[in-house]
PDB file of N, CA and C in Angstrom:
ATOM      1  N   MET A   1      13.221   7.967  -8.379  1.00  0.00           N
ATOM      2  CA  MET A   1      12.451   6.889  -7.804  1.00  0.00           C
ATOM      3  C   MET A   1      12.716   5.625  -8.610  1.00  0.00           C
ATOM      4  N   ARG A   2      12.754   4.507  -7.946  1.00  0.00           N
ATOM      5  CA  ARG A   2      12.942   3.216  -8.619  1.00  0.00           C
ATOM      6  C   ARG A   2      11.753   2.910  -9.525  1.00  0.00           C
ATOM      7  N   LEU A   3      12.032   2.244 -10.632  1.00  0.00           N
ATOM      8  CA  LEU A   3      10.995   1.890 -11.591  1.00  0.00           C
ATOM      9  C   LEU A   3       9.915   1.027 -10.959  1.00  0.00           C
ATOM     10  N   ASP A   4      10.303  -0.015 -10.231  1.00  0.00           N
ATOM     11  CA  ASP A   4       9.297  -0.909  -9.658  1.00  0.00           C
ATOM     12  C   ASP A   4       8.398  -0.183  -8.660  1.00  0.00           C
ATOM     13  N   LYS A   5       8.953   0.745  -7.896  1.00  0.00           N
ATOM     14  CA  LYS A   5       8.135   1.504  -6.946  1.00  0.00           C
ATOM     15  C   LYS A   5       7.195   2.458  -7.680  1.00  0.00           C
ATOM     16  N   PHE A   6       7.675   3.095  -8.749  1.00  0.00           N
ATOM     17  CA  PHE A   6       6.809   3.979  -9.530  1.00  0.00           C
ATOM     18  C   PHE A   6       5.617   3.205 -10.100  1.00  0.00           C
ATOM     19  N   LEU A   7       5.878   2.026 -10.640  1.00  0.00           N
ATOM     20  CA  LEU A   7       4.802   1.221 -11.231  1.00  0.00           C
ATOM     21  C   LEU A   7       3.758   0.834 -10.181  1.00  0.00           C
ATOM     22  N   LYS A   8       4.187   0.611  -8.956  1.00  0.00           N
ATOM     23  CA  LYS A   8       3.267   0.273  -7.863  1.00  0.00           C
ATOM     24  C   LYS A   8       2.487   1.508  -7.406  1.00  0.00           C
ATOM     25  N   VAL A   9       3.178   2.610  -7.149  1.00  0.00           N
ATOM     26  CA  VAL A   9       2.531   3.825  -6.645  1.00  0.00           C
ATOM     27  C   VAL A   9       1.539   4.369  -7.670  1.00  0.00           C
ATOM     28  N   SER A  10       1.894   4.293  -8.965  1.00  0.00           N
ATOM     29  CA  SER A  10       1.011   4.802 -10.017  1.00  0.00           C
ATOM     30  C   SER A  10      -0.116   3.829 -10.341  1.00  0.00           C
ATOM     31  N   ARG A  11      -0.069   2.664  -9.733  1.00  0.00           N
ATOM     32  CA  ARG A  11      -1.079   1.622  -9.906  1.00  0.00           C
ATOM     33  C   ARG A  11      -1.129   1.050 -11.330  1.00  0.00           C
ATOM     34  N   ILE A  12      -0.012   1.138 -12.050  1.00  0.00           N
ATOM     35  CA  ILE A  12       0.076   0.451 -13.337  1.00  0.00           C
ATOM     36  C   ILE A  12       0.093  -1.047 -13.067  1.00  0.00           C
ATOM     37  N   PHE A  13       0.823  -1.449 -12.013  1.00  0.00           N
ATOM     38  CA  PHE A  13       0.796  -2.824 -11.533  1.00  0.00           C
ATOM     39  C   PHE A  13       0.274  -2.823 -10.106  1.00  0.00           C
ATOM     40  N   LYS A  14      -0.459  -3.855  -9.783  1.00  0.00           N
ATOM     41  CA  LYS A  14      -1.099  -3.921  -8.472  1.00  0.00           C
ATOM     42  C   LYS A  14      -0.088  -4.155  -7.342  1.00  0.00           C
ATOM     43  N   ARG A  15       0.937  -4.949  -7.631  1.00  0.00           N
ATOM     44  CA  ARG A  15       1.928  -5.277  -6.604  1.00  0.00           C
ATOM     45  C   ARG A  15       3.332  -4.974  -7.103  1.00  0.00           C
ATOM     46  N   ARG A  16       4.193  -4.582  -6.194  1.00  0.00           N
ATOM     47  CA  ARG A  16       5.579  -4.263  -6.551  1.00  0.00           C
ATOM     48  C   ARG A  16       6.322  -5.511  -7.016  1.00  0.00           C
ATOM     49  N   THR A  17       6.008  -6.671  -6.463  1.00  0.00           N
ATOM     50  CA  THR A  17       6.676  -7.897  -6.878  1.00  0.00           C
ATOM     51  C   THR A  17       6.384  -8.231  -8.340  1.00  0.00           C
ATOM     52  N   ILE A  18       5.177  -7.947  -8.791  1.00  0.00           N
ATOM     53  CA  ILE A  18       4.833  -8.169 -10.201  1.00  0.00           C
ATOM     54  C   ILE A  18       5.618  -7.189 -11.069  1.00  0.00           C
ATOM     55  N   ALA A  19       5.715  -5.937 -10.644  1.00  0.00           N
ATOM     56  CA  ALA A  19       6.482  -4.938 -11.386  1.00  0.00           C
ATOM     57  C   ALA A  19       7.948  -5.351 -11.484  1.00  0.00           C
ATOM     58  N   LYS A  20       8.515  -5.880 -10.399  1.00  0.00           N
ATOM     59  CA  LYS A  20       9.901  -6.352 -10.402  1.00  0.00           C
ATOM     60  C   LYS A  20      10.080  -7.498 -11.388  1.00  0.00           C
ATOM     61  N   GLU A  21       9.152  -8.423 -11.373  1.00  0.00           N
ATOM     62  CA  GLU A  21       9.235  -9.591 -12.246  1.00  0.00           C
ATOM     63  C   GLU A  21       9.165  -9.191 -13.720  1.00  0.00           C
ATOM     64  N   VAL A  22       8.240  -8.322 -14.068  1.00  0.00           N
ATOM     65  CA  VAL A  22       8.088  -7.878 -15.457  1.00  0.00           C
ATOM     66  C   VAL A  22       9.337  -7.121 -15.908  1.00  0.00           C
ATOM     67  N   ALA A  23       9.840  -6.229 -15.084  1.00  0.00           N
ATOM     68  CA  ALA A  23      11.042  -5.464 -15.443  1.00  0.00           C
ATOM     69  C   ALA A  23      12.266  -6.378 -15.505  1.00  0.00           C
ATOM     70  N   GLY A  24      12.314  -7.376 -14.662  1.00  0.00           N
ATOM     71  CA  GLY A  24      13.443  -8.302 -14.640  1.00  0.00           C
ATOM     72  C   GLY A  24      13.526  -9.189 -15.867  1.00  0.00           C
ATOM     73  N   HIS A  25      12.432  -9.320 -16.599  1.00  0.00           N
ATOM     74  CA  HIS A  25      12.411 -10.146 -17.811  1.00  0.00           C
ATOM     75  C   HIS A  25      12.437  -9.298 -19.077  1.00  0.00           C
ATOM     76  N   ASP A  26      12.971  -8.094 -18.988  1.00  0.00           N
ATOM     77  CA  ASP A  26      13.121  -7.185 -20.134  1.00  0.00           C
ATOM     78  C   ASP A  26      11.807  -6.924 -20.863  1.00  0.00           C
ATOM     79  N   LYS A  27      10.719  -6.796 -20.128  1.00  0.00           N
ATOM     80  CA  LYS A  27       9.412  -6.498 -20.707  1.00  0.00           C
ATOM     81  C   LYS A  27       9.085  -5.015 -20.628  1.00  0.00           C
ATOM     82  N   ILE A  28      10.004  -4.227 -20.029  1.00  0.00           N
ATOM     83  CA  ILE A  28       9.792  -2.795 -19.901  1.00  0.00           C
ATOM     84  C   ILE A  28      10.987  -2.071 -20.500  1.00  0.00           C
ATOM     85  N   LEU A  29      10.692  -1.148 -21.396  1.00  0.00           N
ATOM     86  CA  LEU A  29      11.727  -0.296 -21.968  1.00  0.00           C
ATOM     87  C   LEU A  29      11.575   1.097 -21.367  1.00  0.00           C
ATOM     88  N   LEU A  30      12.680   1.659 -20.939  1.00  0.00           N
ATOM     89  CA  LEU A  30      12.709   3.012 -20.382  1.00  0.00           C
ATOM     90  C   LEU A  30      13.494   3.868 -21.355  1.00  0.00           C
ATOM     91  N   ASN A  31      12.804   4.781 -22.020  1.00  0.00           N
ATOM     92  CA  ASN A  31      13.419   5.632 -23.043  1.00  0.00           C
ATOM     93  C   ASN A  31      14.120   4.796 -24.123  1.00  0.00           C
ATOM     94  N   GLY A  32      13.488   3.683 -24.507  1.00  0.00           N
ATOM     95  CA  GLY A  32      14.001   2.851 -25.590  1.00  0.00           C
ATOM     96  C   GLY A  32      15.017   1.800 -25.197  1.00  0.00           C
ATOM     97  N   ARG A  33      15.391   1.727 -23.927  1.00  0.00           N
ATOM     98  CA  ARG A  33      16.374   0.741 -23.465  1.00  0.00           C
ATOM     99  C   ARG A  33      15.740  -0.175 -22.427  1.00  0.00           C
ATOM    100  N   PRO A  34      16.144  -1.454 -22.392  1.00  0.00           N
ATOM    101  CA  PRO A  34      15.609  -2.359 -21.363  1.00  0.00           C
ATOM    102  C   PRO A  34      15.879  -1.806 -19.963  1.00  0.00           C
ATOM    103  N   ALA A  35      14.865  -1.879 -19.112  1.00  0.00           N
ATOM    104  CA  ALA A  35      14.980  -1.312 -17.763  1.00  0.00           C
ATOM    105  C   ALA A  35      14.989  -2.413 -16.714  1.00  0.00           C
ATOM    106  N   LYS A  36      15.783  -2.216 -15.685  1.00  0.00           N
ATOM    107  CA  LYS A  36      15.810  -3.102 -14.532  1.00  0.00           C
ATOM    108  C   LYS A  36      14.856  -2.531 -13.486  1.00  0.00           C
ATOM    109  N   PRO A  37      14.423  -3.351 -12.533  1.00  0.00           N
ATOM    110  CA  PRO A  37      13.534  -2.837 -11.479  1.00  0.00           C
ATOM    111  C   PRO A  37      14.133  -1.664 -10.707  1.00  0.00           C
ATOM    112  N   SER A  38      15.466  -1.611 -10.614  1.00  0.00           N
ATOM    113  CA  SER A  38      16.118  -0.549  -9.848  1.00  0.00           C
ATOM    114  C   SER A  38      16.428   0.692 -10.675  1.00  0.00           C
ATOM    115  N   SER A  39      16.048   0.705 -11.947  1.00  0.00           N
ATOM    116  CA  SER A  39      16.300   1.880 -12.798  1.00  0.00           C
ATOM    117  C   SER A  39      15.581   3.102 -12.241  1.00  0.00           C
ATOM    118  N   ASN A  40      16.249   4.239 -12.292  1.00  0.00           N
ATOM    119  CA  ASN A  40      15.635   5.484 -11.814  1.00  0.00           C
ATOM    120  C   ASN A  40      14.760   6.083 -12.900  1.00  0.00           C
ATOM    121  N   VAL A  41      13.565   6.530 -12.508  1.00  0.00           N
ATOM    122  CA  VAL A  41      12.654   7.201 -13.434  1.00  0.00           C
ATOM    123  C   VAL A  41      12.478   8.641 -12.993  1.00  0.00           C
ATOM    124  N   LYS A  42      12.181   9.498 -13.970  1.00  0.00           N
ATOM    125  CA  LYS A  42      11.942  10.900 -13.664  1.00  0.00           C
ATOM    126  C   LYS A  42      10.861  11.422 -14.600  1.00  0.00           C
ATOM    127  N   GLU A  43      10.384  12.602 -14.328  1.00  0.00           N
ATOM    128  CA  GLU A  43       9.345  13.207 -15.159  1.00  0.00           C
ATOM    129  C   GLU A  43       9.845  13.342 -16.591  1.00  0.00           C
ATOM    130  N   GLY A  44       8.975  13.007 -17.540  1.00  0.00           N
ATOM    131  CA  GLY A  44       9.321  13.100 -18.948  1.00  0.00           C
ATOM    132  C   GLY A  44       9.822  11.802 -19.554  1.00  0.00           C
ATOM    133  N   ASP A  45      10.150  10.805 -18.731  1.00  0.00           N
ATOM    134  CA  ASP A  45      10.595   9.509 -19.251  1.00  0.00           C
ATOM    135  C   ASP A  45       9.446   8.801 -19.957  1.00  0.00           C
ATOM    136  N   ILE A  46       9.800   7.970 -20.940  1.00  0.00           N
ATOM    137  CA  ILE A  46       8.824   7.193 -21.697  1.00  0.00           C
ATOM    138  C   ILE A  46       8.994   5.721 -21.350  1.00  0.00           C
ATOM    139  N   LEU A  47       7.916   5.082 -20.951  1.00  0.00           N
ATOM    140  CA  LEU A  47       7.911   3.653 -20.634  1.00  0.00           C
ATOM    141  C   LEU A  47       7.151   2.895 -21.717  1.00  0.00           C
ATOM    142  N   GLU A  48       7.727   1.794 -22.181  1.00  0.00           N
ATOM    143  CA  GLU A  48       7.011   0.885 -23.072  1.00  0.00           C
ATOM    144  C   GLU A  48       6.907  -0.445 -22.341  1.00  0.00           C
ATOM    145  N   ILE A  49       5.685  -0.830 -22.013  1.00  0.00           N
ATOM    146  CA  ILE A  49       5.453  -2.002 -21.169  1.00  0.00           C
ATOM    147  C   ILE A  49       4.729  -3.072 -21.961  1.00  0.00           C
ATOM    148  N   THR A  50       5.288  -4.297 -21.935  1.00  0.00           N
ATOM    149  CA  THR A  50       4.655  -5.458 -22.542  1.00  0.00           C
ATOM    150  C   THR A  50       4.275  -6.394 -21.407  1.00  0.00           C
ATOM    151  N   TYR A  51       2.984  -6.648 -21.254  1.00  0.00           N
ATOM    152  CA  TYR A  51       2.497  -7.497 -20.170  1.00  0.00           C
ATOM    153  C   TYR A  51       1.445  -8.423 -20.751  1.00  0.00           C
ATOM    154  N   GLY A  52       1.800  -9.696 -20.869  1.00  0.00           N
ATOM    155  CA  GLY A  52       0.904 -10.638 -21.529  1.00  0.00           C
ATOM    156  C   GLY A  52       0.803 -10.265 -22.990  1.00  0.00           C
ATOM    157  N   ASN A  53      -0.416 -10.098 -23.492  1.00  0.00           N
ATOM    158  CA  ASN A  53      -0.591  -9.679 -24.883  1.00  0.00           C
ATOM    159  C   ASN A  53      -0.952  -8.193 -24.982  1.00  0.00           C
ATOM    160  N   HIS A  54      -0.727  -7.469 -23.927  1.00  0.00           N
ATOM    161  CA  HIS A  54      -1.049  -6.049 -23.845  1.00  0.00           C
ATOM    162  C   HIS A  54       0.251  -5.245 -23.936  1.00  0.00           C
ATOM    163  N   VAL A  55       0.316  -4.285 -24.843  1.00  0.00           N
ATOM    164  CA  VAL A  55       1.489  -3.421 -24.999  1.00  0.00           C
ATOM    165  C   VAL A  55       1.024  -1.975 -24.939  1.00  0.00           C
ATOM    166  N   PHE A  56       1.667  -1.184 -24.081  1.00  0.00           N
ATOM    167  CA  PHE A  56       1.321   0.232 -24.070  1.00  0.00           C
ATOM    168  C   PHE A  56       2.543   1.093 -23.778  1.00  0.00           C
ATOM    169  N   THR A  57       2.469   2.307 -24.242  1.00  0.00           N
ATOM    170  CA  THR A  57       3.524   3.293 -24.043  1.00  0.00           C
ATOM    171  C   THR A  57       2.941   4.414 -23.196  1.00  0.00           C
ATOM    172  N   ALA A  58       3.696   4.813 -22.169  1.00  0.00           N
ATOM    173  CA  ALA A  58       3.225   5.848 -21.262  1.00  0.00           C
ATOM    174  C   ALA A  58       4.335   6.857 -21.000  1.00  0.00           C
ATOM    175  N   LYS A  59       3.940   8.098 -20.817  1.00  0.00           N
ATOM    176  CA  LYS A  59       4.873   9.163 -20.456  1.00  0.00           C
ATOM    177  C   LYS A  59       4.680   9.482 -18.978  1.00  0.00           C
ATOM    178  N   ILE A  60       5.770   9.565 -18.241  1.00  0.00           N
ATOM    179  CA  ILE A  60       5.704   9.879 -16.816  1.00  0.00           C
ATOM    180  C   ILE A  60       5.508  11.381 -16.665  1.00  0.00           C
ATOM    181  N   LEU A  61       4.415  11.769 -16.008  1.00  0.00           N
ATOM    182  CA  LEU A  61       4.107  13.186 -15.809  1.00  0.00           C
ATOM    183  C   LEU A  61       4.609  13.698 -14.472  1.00  0.00           C
ATOM    184  N   THR A  62       4.501  12.865 -13.448  1.00  0.00           N
ATOM    185  CA  THR A  62       4.941  13.268 -12.115  1.00  0.00           C
ATOM    186  C   THR A  62       5.428  12.047 -11.350  1.00  0.00           C
ATOM    187  N   VAL A  63       6.355  12.280 -10.433  1.00  0.00           N
ATOM    188  CA  VAL A  63       6.902  11.219  -9.603  1.00  0.00           C
ATOM    189  C   VAL A  63       6.634  11.599  -8.153  1.00  0.00           C
ATOM    190  N   ALA A  64       5.949  10.724  -7.426  1.00  0.00           N
ATOM    191  CA  ALA A  64       5.628  10.995  -6.022  1.00  0.00           C
ATOM    192  C   ALA A  64       5.767   9.714  -5.214  1.00  0.00           C
ATOM    193  N   GLU A  65       6.236   9.830  -3.978  1.00  0.00           N
ATOM    194  CA  GLU A  65       6.416   8.668  -3.117  1.00  0.00           C
ATOM    195  C   GLU A  65       5.084   8.013  -2.751  1.00  0.00           C
ATOM    196  N   PHE A  66       4.048   8.827  -2.577  1.00  0.00           N
ATOM    197  CA  PHE A  66       2.728   8.331  -2.216  1.00  0.00           C
ATOM    198  C   PHE A  66       1.685   9.032  -3.072  1.00  0.00           C
ATOM    199  N   MET A  67       0.628   8.308  -3.412  1.00  0.00           N
ATOM    200  CA  MET A  67      -0.432   8.891  -4.224  1.00  0.00           C
ATOM    201  C   MET A  67      -1.742   8.188  -3.860  1.00  0.00           C
ATOM    202  N   ALA A  68      -2.795   8.968  -3.732  1.00  0.00           N
ATOM    203  CA  ALA A  68      -4.115   8.399  -3.450  1.00  0.00           C
ATOM    204  C   ALA A  68      -4.576   7.578  -4.651  1.00  0.00           C
ATOM    205  N   LYS A  69      -5.355   6.566  -4.372  1.00  0.00           N
ATOM    206  CA  LYS A  69      -5.804   5.644  -5.412  1.00  0.00           C
ATOM    207  C   LYS A  69      -6.530   6.346  -6.551  1.00  0.00           C
ATOM    208  N   ASP A  70      -7.391   7.295  -6.228  1.00  0.00           N
ATOM    209  CA  ASP A  70      -8.192   7.966  -7.263  1.00  0.00           C
ATOM    210  C   ASP A  70      -7.386   8.947  -8.113  1.00  0.00           C
ATOM    211  N   SER A  71      -6.225   9.381  -7.641  1.00  0.00           N
ATOM    212  CA  SER A  71      -5.419  10.315  -8.431  1.00  0.00           C
ATOM    213  C   SER A  71      -4.129   9.692  -8.963  1.00  0.00           C
ATOM    214  N   ALA A  72      -3.939   8.389  -8.766  1.00  0.00           N
ATOM    215  CA  ALA A  72      -2.713   7.714  -9.211  1.00  0.00           C
ATOM    216  C   ALA A  72      -2.545   7.753 -10.720  1.00  0.00           C
ATOM    217  N   SER A  73      -3.631   7.738 -11.459  1.00  0.00           N
ATOM    218  CA  SER A  73      -3.521   7.748 -12.927  1.00  0.00           C
ATOM    219  C   SER A  73      -3.030   9.090 -13.464  1.00  0.00           C
ATOM    220  N   SER A  74      -2.983  10.115 -12.627  1.00  0.00           N
ATOM    221  CA  SER A  74      -2.466  11.414 -13.073  1.00  0.00           C
ATOM    222  C   SER A  74      -0.937  11.435 -13.092  1.00  0.00           C
ATOM    223  N   MET A  75      -0.297  10.358 -12.643  1.00  0.00           N
ATOM    224  CA  MET A  75       1.155  10.282 -12.637  1.00  0.00           C
ATOM    225  C   MET A  75       1.723   9.960 -14.015  1.00  0.00           C
ATOM    226  N   TYR A  76       0.880   9.470 -14.919  1.00  0.00           N
ATOM    227  CA  TYR A  76       1.343   9.093 -16.253  1.00  0.00           C
ATOM    228  C   TYR A  76       0.266   9.369 -17.285  1.00  0.00           C
ATOM    229  N   GLU A  77       0.677   9.390 -18.546  1.00  0.00           N
ATOM    230  CA  GLU A  77      -0.241   9.598 -19.652  1.00  0.00           C
ATOM    231  C   GLU A  77      -0.017   8.473 -20.657  1.00  0.00           C
ATOM    232  N   ILE A  78      -1.063   7.761 -21.018  1.00  0.00           N
ATOM    233  CA  ILE A  78      -0.963   6.698 -22.015  1.00  0.00           C
ATOM    234  C   ILE A  78      -0.824   7.333 -23.395  1.00  0.00           C
ATOM    235  N   ILE A  79       0.251   6.971 -24.105  1.00  0.00           N
ATOM    236  CA  ILE A  79       0.475   7.509 -25.440  1.00  0.00           C
ATOM    237  C   ILE A  79      -0.108   6.570 -26.485  1.00  0.00           C
ATOM    238  N   THR A  80       0.258   5.287 -26.416  1.00  0.00           N
ATOM    239  CA  THR A  80      -0.315   4.276 -27.321  1.00  0.00           C
ATOM    240  C   THR A  80      -0.669   3.042 -26.524  1.00  0.00           C
ATOM    241  N   GLU A  81      -1.603   2.285 -27.061  1.00  0.00           N
ATOM    242  CA  GLU A  81      -2.045   1.062 -26.396  1.00  0.00           C
ATOM    243  C   GLU A  81      -2.493   0.079 -27.465  1.00  0.00           C
ATOM    244  N   SER A  82      -2.045  -1.172 -27.357  1.00  0.00           N
ATOM    245  CA  SER A  82      -2.436  -2.177 -28.342  1.00  0.00           C
ATOM    246  C   SER A  82      -2.417  -3.565 -27.719  1.00  0.00           C
ATOM    247  N   HIS A  83      -2.962  -4.509 -28.459  1.00  0.00           N
ATOM    248  CA  HIS A  83      -2.993  -5.908 -28.024  1.00  0.00           C
ATOM    249  C   HIS A  83      -2.296  -6.756 -29.077  1.00  0.00           C
ATOM    250  N   LYS A  84      -1.430  -7.662 -28.609  1.00  0.00           N
ATOM    251  CA  LYS A  84      -0.784  -8.612 -29.502  1.00  0.00           C
ATOM    252  C   LYS A  84      -1.716  -9.813 -29.696  1.00  0.00           C
ATOM    253  N   GLU A  85      -1.495 -10.511 -30.765  1.00  0.00           N
ATOM    254  CA  GLU A  85      -2.282 -11.736 -30.975  1.00  0.00           C
ATOM    255  C   GLU A  85      -1.394 -12.927 -31.012  1.00  0.00           C
TER     256      GLU A  85
END
């Protein structure tokens, strides 16, 4: 699945266009490397996302084309979370 679509379906980002923009500016690392919006993600991948002053690392647990809003957070697990100043 494409990175930008995963970020939208998992509700990490509200809109796919925002996910594309963040990934396009090298603000997302996929397994330690800068990721493009079209990068393929799979179960077990590690995402490091910098958005504004918020930085978090998440592990992808499952990849699904569609997910209900209340269960979307089960697609990933937050490993670390911090705020920049």
